[in-house]
N, C-alpha and C. Protein backbone atom coordinates (compact mmCIF):
# COMPACT_ATOMS: atom_id res chain seq x y z
N MET A 1 15.67 161.51 76.28
CA MET A 1 15.75 160.36 75.43
C MET A 1 14.51 159.48 75.57
N ASN A 2 13.97 159.39 76.75
CA ASN A 2 12.79 158.55 76.96
C ASN A 2 11.51 159.37 77.01
N GLU A 3 11.54 160.60 76.52
CA GLU A 3 10.35 161.42 76.56
C GLU A 3 9.34 160.94 75.52
N ILE A 4 8.11 161.22 75.79
CA ILE A 4 7.03 160.81 74.89
C ILE A 4 7.09 161.66 73.64
N GLU A 5 6.99 161.01 72.49
CA GLU A 5 7.09 161.71 71.22
C GLU A 5 5.78 161.59 70.48
N LYS A 6 5.23 162.72 70.07
CA LYS A 6 3.99 162.71 69.31
C LYS A 6 4.27 162.22 67.90
N LYS A 7 3.32 161.50 67.30
CA LYS A 7 3.51 160.95 65.98
C LYS A 7 3.66 162.01 64.90
N ASP A 8 2.91 163.08 64.99
CA ASP A 8 2.91 164.09 63.95
C ASP A 8 3.95 165.19 64.19
N GLU A 9 4.68 165.11 65.29
CA GLU A 9 5.65 166.14 65.62
C GLU A 9 6.86 166.04 64.69
N ILE A 10 7.26 167.18 64.16
CA ILE A 10 8.42 167.23 63.26
C ILE A 10 9.68 167.34 64.12
N PRO A 11 10.64 166.42 63.95
CA PRO A 11 11.86 166.48 64.75
C PRO A 11 12.74 167.66 64.33
N SER A 12 13.47 168.20 65.29
CA SER A 12 14.35 169.32 65.00
C SER A 12 15.59 168.84 64.25
N THR A 13 16.26 169.76 63.60
CA THR A 13 17.45 169.39 62.84
C THR A 13 18.58 168.95 63.77
N SER A 14 18.68 169.55 64.94
CA SER A 14 19.73 169.14 65.88
C SER A 14 19.49 167.72 66.38
N LYS A 15 18.21 167.38 66.63
CA LYS A 15 17.88 166.03 67.08
C LYS A 15 18.18 165.02 65.97
N LEU A 16 17.85 165.39 64.74
CA LEU A 16 18.11 164.50 63.61
C LEU A 16 19.60 164.30 63.38
N SER A 17 20.37 165.36 63.47
CA SER A 17 21.81 165.23 63.24
C SER A 17 22.45 164.38 64.34
N LYS A 18 22.00 164.58 65.57
CA LYS A 18 22.52 163.77 66.67
C LYS A 18 22.16 162.30 66.48
N LEU A 19 20.95 162.03 66.01
CA LEU A 19 20.51 160.66 65.76
C LEU A 19 21.32 160.01 64.64
N GLY A 20 21.59 160.77 63.58
CA GLY A 20 22.39 160.25 62.48
C GLY A 20 23.81 159.94 62.88
N ILE A 21 24.42 160.83 63.65
CA ILE A 21 25.78 160.60 64.12
C ILE A 21 25.84 159.41 65.06
N THR A 22 24.84 159.27 65.91
CA THR A 22 24.77 158.12 66.81
C THR A 22 24.64 156.83 66.02
N ALA A 23 23.82 156.84 64.99
CA ALA A 23 23.64 155.65 64.16
C ALA A 23 24.95 155.25 63.49
N ILE A 24 25.65 156.21 62.96
CA ILE A 24 26.94 155.92 62.32
C ILE A 24 27.95 155.42 63.34
N GLY A 25 27.98 156.03 64.50
CA GLY A 25 28.92 155.62 65.54
C GLY A 25 28.67 154.20 66.03
N TYR A 26 27.42 153.86 66.29
CA TYR A 26 27.10 152.51 66.74
C TYR A 26 27.42 151.48 65.66
N THR A 27 27.08 151.78 64.41
CA THR A 27 27.35 150.85 63.32
C THR A 27 28.85 150.65 63.13
N ALA A 28 29.61 151.75 63.16
CA ALA A 28 31.06 151.65 63.02
C ALA A 28 31.67 150.88 64.19
N GLY A 29 31.14 151.09 65.39
CA GLY A 29 31.62 150.35 66.56
C GLY A 29 31.36 148.86 66.44
N GLY A 30 30.19 148.49 65.94
CA GLY A 30 29.87 147.08 65.75
C GLY A 30 30.78 146.43 64.72
N ILE A 31 31.01 147.14 63.62
CA ILE A 31 31.91 146.61 62.59
C ILE A 31 33.33 146.49 63.14
N PHE A 32 33.75 147.50 63.90
CA PHE A 32 35.07 147.46 64.51
C PHE A 32 35.22 146.27 65.45
N LEU A 33 34.19 145.98 66.23
CA LEU A 33 34.27 144.83 67.14
C LEU A 33 34.33 143.51 66.37
N PHE A 34 33.62 143.42 65.24
CA PHE A 34 33.73 142.22 64.42
C PHE A 34 35.14 142.07 63.86
N VAL A 35 35.74 143.17 63.42
CA VAL A 35 37.12 143.12 62.92
C VAL A 35 38.08 142.76 64.04
N LEU A 36 37.88 143.33 65.20
CA LEU A 36 38.72 143.01 66.35
C LEU A 36 38.61 141.54 66.72
N GLN A 37 37.41 141.02 66.67
CA GLN A 37 37.21 139.61 66.97
C GLN A 37 37.88 138.72 65.92
N ALA A 38 37.85 139.13 64.66
CA ALA A 38 38.51 138.35 63.61
C ALA A 38 40.03 138.41 63.77
N VAL A 39 40.56 139.58 64.11
CA VAL A 39 42.00 139.71 64.31
C VAL A 39 42.43 138.95 65.56
N ALA A 40 41.58 138.91 66.56
CA ALA A 40 41.91 138.28 67.83
C ALA A 40 41.93 136.76 67.73
N ARG A 41 41.61 136.20 66.57
CA ARG A 41 41.70 134.74 66.41
C ARG A 41 43.13 134.26 66.52
N PHE A 42 44.07 135.09 66.12
CA PHE A 42 45.49 134.76 66.24
C PHE A 42 45.97 135.25 67.59
N ARG A 43 46.57 134.39 68.36
CA ARG A 43 46.87 134.68 69.76
C ARG A 43 47.72 135.94 69.96
N VAL A 44 48.88 136.01 69.33
CA VAL A 44 49.78 137.13 69.56
C VAL A 44 49.19 138.43 69.00
N VAL A 45 48.66 138.37 67.78
CA VAL A 45 48.06 139.55 67.17
C VAL A 45 46.84 140.00 67.98
N GLY A 46 46.06 139.05 68.48
CA GLY A 46 44.89 139.38 69.30
C GLY A 46 45.26 140.07 70.60
N LEU A 47 46.33 139.59 71.23
CA LEU A 47 46.78 140.24 72.47
C LEU A 47 47.28 141.65 72.20
N ILE A 48 48.04 141.82 71.12
CA ILE A 48 48.55 143.16 70.78
C ILE A 48 47.40 144.10 70.42
N ALA A 49 46.48 143.63 69.58
CA ALA A 49 45.34 144.46 69.19
C ALA A 49 44.48 144.81 70.40
N GLY A 50 44.25 143.85 71.27
CA GLY A 50 43.47 144.11 72.48
C GLY A 50 44.13 145.14 73.38
N ALA A 51 45.47 145.05 73.50
CA ALA A 51 46.20 146.02 74.33
C ALA A 51 46.13 147.42 73.73
N VAL A 52 46.26 147.51 72.39
CA VAL A 52 46.18 148.82 71.73
C VAL A 52 44.80 149.43 71.90
N VAL A 53 43.76 148.62 71.71
CA VAL A 53 42.38 149.10 71.87
C VAL A 53 42.14 149.53 73.32
N CYS A 54 42.64 148.75 74.25
CA CYS A 54 42.47 149.08 75.66
C CYS A 54 43.15 150.41 75.99
N LEU A 55 44.35 150.62 75.48
CA LEU A 55 45.06 151.89 75.71
C LEU A 55 44.33 153.06 75.08
N LEU A 56 43.78 152.87 73.88
CA LEU A 56 42.99 153.93 73.25
C LEU A 56 41.76 154.27 74.09
N GLY A 57 41.12 153.24 74.64
CA GLY A 57 39.96 153.47 75.49
C GLY A 57 40.31 154.20 76.77
N ILE A 58 41.44 153.85 77.36
CA ILE A 58 41.87 154.54 78.57
C ILE A 58 42.20 156.00 78.26
N GLY A 59 42.81 156.23 77.09
CA GLY A 59 43.09 157.61 76.67
C GLY A 59 41.81 158.41 76.50
N SER A 60 40.78 157.76 75.97
CA SER A 60 39.50 158.43 75.81
C SER A 60 38.83 158.67 77.17
N LEU A 61 39.04 157.78 78.11
CA LEU A 61 38.50 157.96 79.46
C LEU A 61 39.15 159.15 80.16
N MET A 62 40.41 159.42 79.86
CA MET A 62 41.13 160.52 80.50
C MET A 62 40.80 161.88 79.89
N SER A 63 39.98 161.89 78.84
CA SER A 63 39.63 163.14 78.16
C SER A 63 38.87 164.08 79.09
N LYS A 64 39.03 165.37 78.84
CA LYS A 64 38.32 166.37 79.64
C LYS A 64 36.87 166.50 79.22
N ASP A 65 36.57 166.10 78.00
CA ASP A 65 35.20 166.19 77.48
C ASP A 65 34.37 165.02 78.00
N PRO A 66 33.27 165.28 78.72
CA PRO A 66 32.47 164.18 79.26
C PRO A 66 31.81 163.32 78.18
N ALA A 67 31.65 163.85 76.98
CA ALA A 67 31.04 163.06 75.90
C ALA A 67 31.98 161.95 75.42
N ASP A 68 33.28 162.08 75.70
CA ASP A 68 34.24 161.05 75.28
C ASP A 68 34.35 159.91 76.28
N ARG A 69 33.79 160.06 77.44
CA ARG A 69 33.96 159.04 78.47
C ARG A 69 33.11 157.79 78.21
N LYS A 70 31.90 157.97 77.72
CA LYS A 70 31.04 156.82 77.45
C LYS A 70 31.64 155.93 76.36
N PRO A 71 32.05 156.48 75.22
CA PRO A 71 32.74 155.61 74.24
C PRO A 71 34.05 155.06 74.79
N GLY A 72 34.71 155.80 75.67
CA GLY A 72 35.94 155.32 76.27
C GLY A 72 35.73 154.06 77.09
N ILE A 73 34.62 154.01 77.80
CA ILE A 73 34.30 152.82 78.59
C ILE A 73 34.07 151.63 77.66
N ILE A 74 33.34 151.86 76.58
CA ILE A 74 33.04 150.78 75.64
C ILE A 74 34.31 150.29 74.95
N ILE A 75 35.18 151.22 74.54
CA ILE A 75 36.43 150.85 73.87
C ILE A 75 37.35 150.10 74.83
N THR A 76 37.45 150.56 76.06
CA THR A 76 38.28 149.88 77.05
C THR A 76 37.75 148.48 77.33
N ALA A 77 36.43 148.35 77.46
CA ALA A 77 35.85 147.03 77.69
C ALA A 77 36.11 146.10 76.51
N ALA A 78 36.04 146.61 75.29
CA ALA A 78 36.33 145.79 74.11
C ALA A 78 37.78 145.32 74.12
N GLY A 79 38.70 146.21 74.49
CA GLY A 79 40.10 145.82 74.57
C GLY A 79 40.35 144.76 75.64
N VAL A 80 39.74 144.95 76.80
CA VAL A 80 39.89 143.97 77.88
C VAL A 80 39.30 142.62 77.47
N LEU A 81 38.13 142.64 76.82
CA LEU A 81 37.53 141.39 76.37
C LEU A 81 38.38 140.70 75.31
N ALA A 82 39.00 141.48 74.42
CA ALA A 82 39.88 140.89 73.41
C ALA A 82 41.10 140.25 74.07
N ILE A 83 41.65 140.92 75.07
CA ILE A 83 42.81 140.35 75.79
C ILE A 83 42.39 139.09 76.54
N LEU A 84 41.25 139.16 77.23
CA LEU A 84 40.79 137.99 77.99
C LEU A 84 40.41 136.82 77.09
N SER A 85 39.93 137.11 75.88
CA SER A 85 39.55 136.02 74.98
C SER A 85 40.77 135.25 74.50
N LYS A 86 41.96 135.85 74.57
CA LYS A 86 43.20 135.18 74.18
C LYS A 86 44.06 134.83 75.38
N SER A 87 43.53 134.98 76.57
CA SER A 87 44.32 134.75 77.78
C SER A 87 44.65 133.28 78.00
N GLY A 88 43.84 132.40 77.50
CA GLY A 88 44.09 130.97 77.68
C GLY A 88 43.49 130.40 78.94
N VAL A 89 42.84 131.21 79.74
CA VAL A 89 42.17 130.72 80.95
C VAL A 89 40.91 129.98 80.50
N PRO A 90 40.75 128.71 80.92
CA PRO A 90 39.68 127.88 80.36
C PRO A 90 38.26 128.44 80.48
N LEU A 91 37.89 129.05 81.56
CA LEU A 91 36.53 129.55 81.72
C LEU A 91 36.36 130.98 81.24
N ILE A 92 37.38 131.78 81.37
CA ILE A 92 37.26 133.19 81.06
C ILE A 92 37.33 133.46 79.55
N ALA A 93 38.21 132.77 78.84
CA ALA A 93 38.42 133.04 77.41
C ALA A 93 37.16 132.84 76.57
N PRO A 94 36.43 131.73 76.71
CA PRO A 94 35.22 131.59 75.89
C PRO A 94 34.13 132.59 76.25
N VAL A 95 34.01 132.91 77.53
CA VAL A 95 33.00 133.89 77.96
C VAL A 95 33.34 135.27 77.40
N ALA A 96 34.62 135.65 77.43
CA ALA A 96 35.03 136.95 76.91
C ALA A 96 34.81 137.02 75.40
N ALA A 97 35.13 135.93 74.68
CA ALA A 97 34.91 135.92 73.23
C ALA A 97 33.42 136.02 72.91
N THR A 98 32.59 135.35 73.69
CA THR A 98 31.14 135.40 73.48
C THR A 98 30.62 136.81 73.76
N LEU A 99 31.08 137.42 74.84
CA LEU A 99 30.64 138.79 75.15
C LEU A 99 31.10 139.79 74.09
N LEU A 100 32.27 139.56 73.51
CA LEU A 100 32.75 140.43 72.43
C LEU A 100 31.83 140.32 71.21
N GLY A 101 31.41 139.10 70.89
CA GLY A 101 30.48 138.90 69.78
C GLY A 101 29.11 139.50 70.05
N ILE A 102 28.62 139.33 71.27
CA ILE A 102 27.32 139.90 71.64
C ILE A 102 27.39 141.43 71.57
N GLY A 103 28.50 142.00 72.02
CA GLY A 103 28.66 143.45 71.95
C GLY A 103 28.68 143.96 70.51
N ALA A 104 29.33 143.21 69.62
CA ALA A 104 29.37 143.60 68.21
C ALA A 104 27.99 143.58 67.60
N VAL A 105 27.24 142.51 67.84
CA VAL A 105 25.88 142.41 67.30
C VAL A 105 24.99 143.49 67.91
N GLY A 106 25.13 143.72 69.21
CA GLY A 106 24.32 144.74 69.88
C GLY A 106 24.56 146.13 69.32
N LEU A 107 25.84 146.47 69.08
CA LEU A 107 26.13 147.79 68.51
C LEU A 107 25.60 147.92 67.09
N LEU A 108 25.70 146.85 66.31
CA LEU A 108 25.14 146.90 64.96
C LEU A 108 23.63 147.09 64.98
N VAL A 109 22.97 146.37 65.86
CA VAL A 109 21.50 146.51 65.96
C VAL A 109 21.12 147.92 66.39
N LEU A 110 21.84 148.47 67.37
CA LEU A 110 21.56 149.85 67.80
C LEU A 110 21.81 150.84 66.66
N GLY A 111 22.85 150.62 65.89
CA GLY A 111 23.13 151.49 64.75
C GLY A 111 22.04 151.43 63.70
N ILE A 112 21.58 150.23 63.40
CA ILE A 112 20.50 150.08 62.42
C ILE A 112 19.22 150.71 62.94
N TRP A 113 18.90 150.49 64.21
CA TRP A 113 17.68 151.05 64.80
C TRP A 113 17.71 152.58 64.77
N ASN A 114 18.85 153.17 65.16
CA ASN A 114 18.95 154.63 65.12
C ASN A 114 18.94 155.16 63.70
N GLY A 115 19.48 154.39 62.76
CA GLY A 115 19.42 154.78 61.35
C GLY A 115 18.00 154.79 60.83
N ILE A 116 17.22 153.80 61.22
CA ILE A 116 15.81 153.75 60.82
C ILE A 116 15.05 154.95 61.40
N LYS A 117 15.29 155.24 62.68
CA LYS A 117 14.65 156.40 63.30
C LYS A 117 15.08 157.69 62.61
N PHE A 118 16.34 157.77 62.20
CA PHE A 118 16.85 158.94 61.50
C PHE A 118 16.11 159.13 60.17
N PHE A 119 15.96 158.05 59.40
CA PHE A 119 15.30 158.18 58.11
C PHE A 119 13.80 158.47 58.24
N PHE A 120 13.16 157.93 59.28
CA PHE A 120 11.76 158.28 59.52
C PHE A 120 11.64 159.76 59.90
N GLY A 121 12.60 160.26 60.68
CA GLY A 121 12.60 161.68 61.03
C GLY A 121 12.81 162.56 59.81
N LEU A 122 13.69 162.12 58.90
CA LEU A 122 13.87 162.87 57.65
C LEU A 122 12.60 162.88 56.83
N LYS A 123 11.91 161.75 56.81
CA LYS A 123 10.66 161.66 56.05
C LYS A 123 9.60 162.61 56.62
N LYS A 124 9.57 162.74 57.94
CA LYS A 124 8.60 163.65 58.58
C LYS A 124 8.92 165.10 58.24
N ARG A 125 10.19 165.41 58.07
CA ARG A 125 10.58 166.80 57.78
C ARG A 125 10.30 167.19 56.34
N SER A 126 10.17 166.22 55.44
CA SER A 126 9.97 166.59 54.03
C SER A 126 8.51 166.68 53.67
């Protein structure tokens, strides 16, 4: 991932497809976190949604496929942050809500960045 890339080098199709899927995944994750944050504005619904997301993340962590563990960690963390943002604890709730927003923006930015790299790679191949 951090290897030096020559400017004129044509990217392989497998690298391009992986980059495109990553871009879509990060963008969808960022949008999902924004939706989760909007739903979490209501206390009871936010706690239920956070618990469901946390359970889905734990289920993904228990998967036998190692590729599912990284998203599982992110999904579990999002669920925990959603629960903590509605916990009512004076110091923890605002910090958790802020971290949930930062995570949503970060995933969107990563998705856009990988999408740009994907389209530049497509341009090099044509």
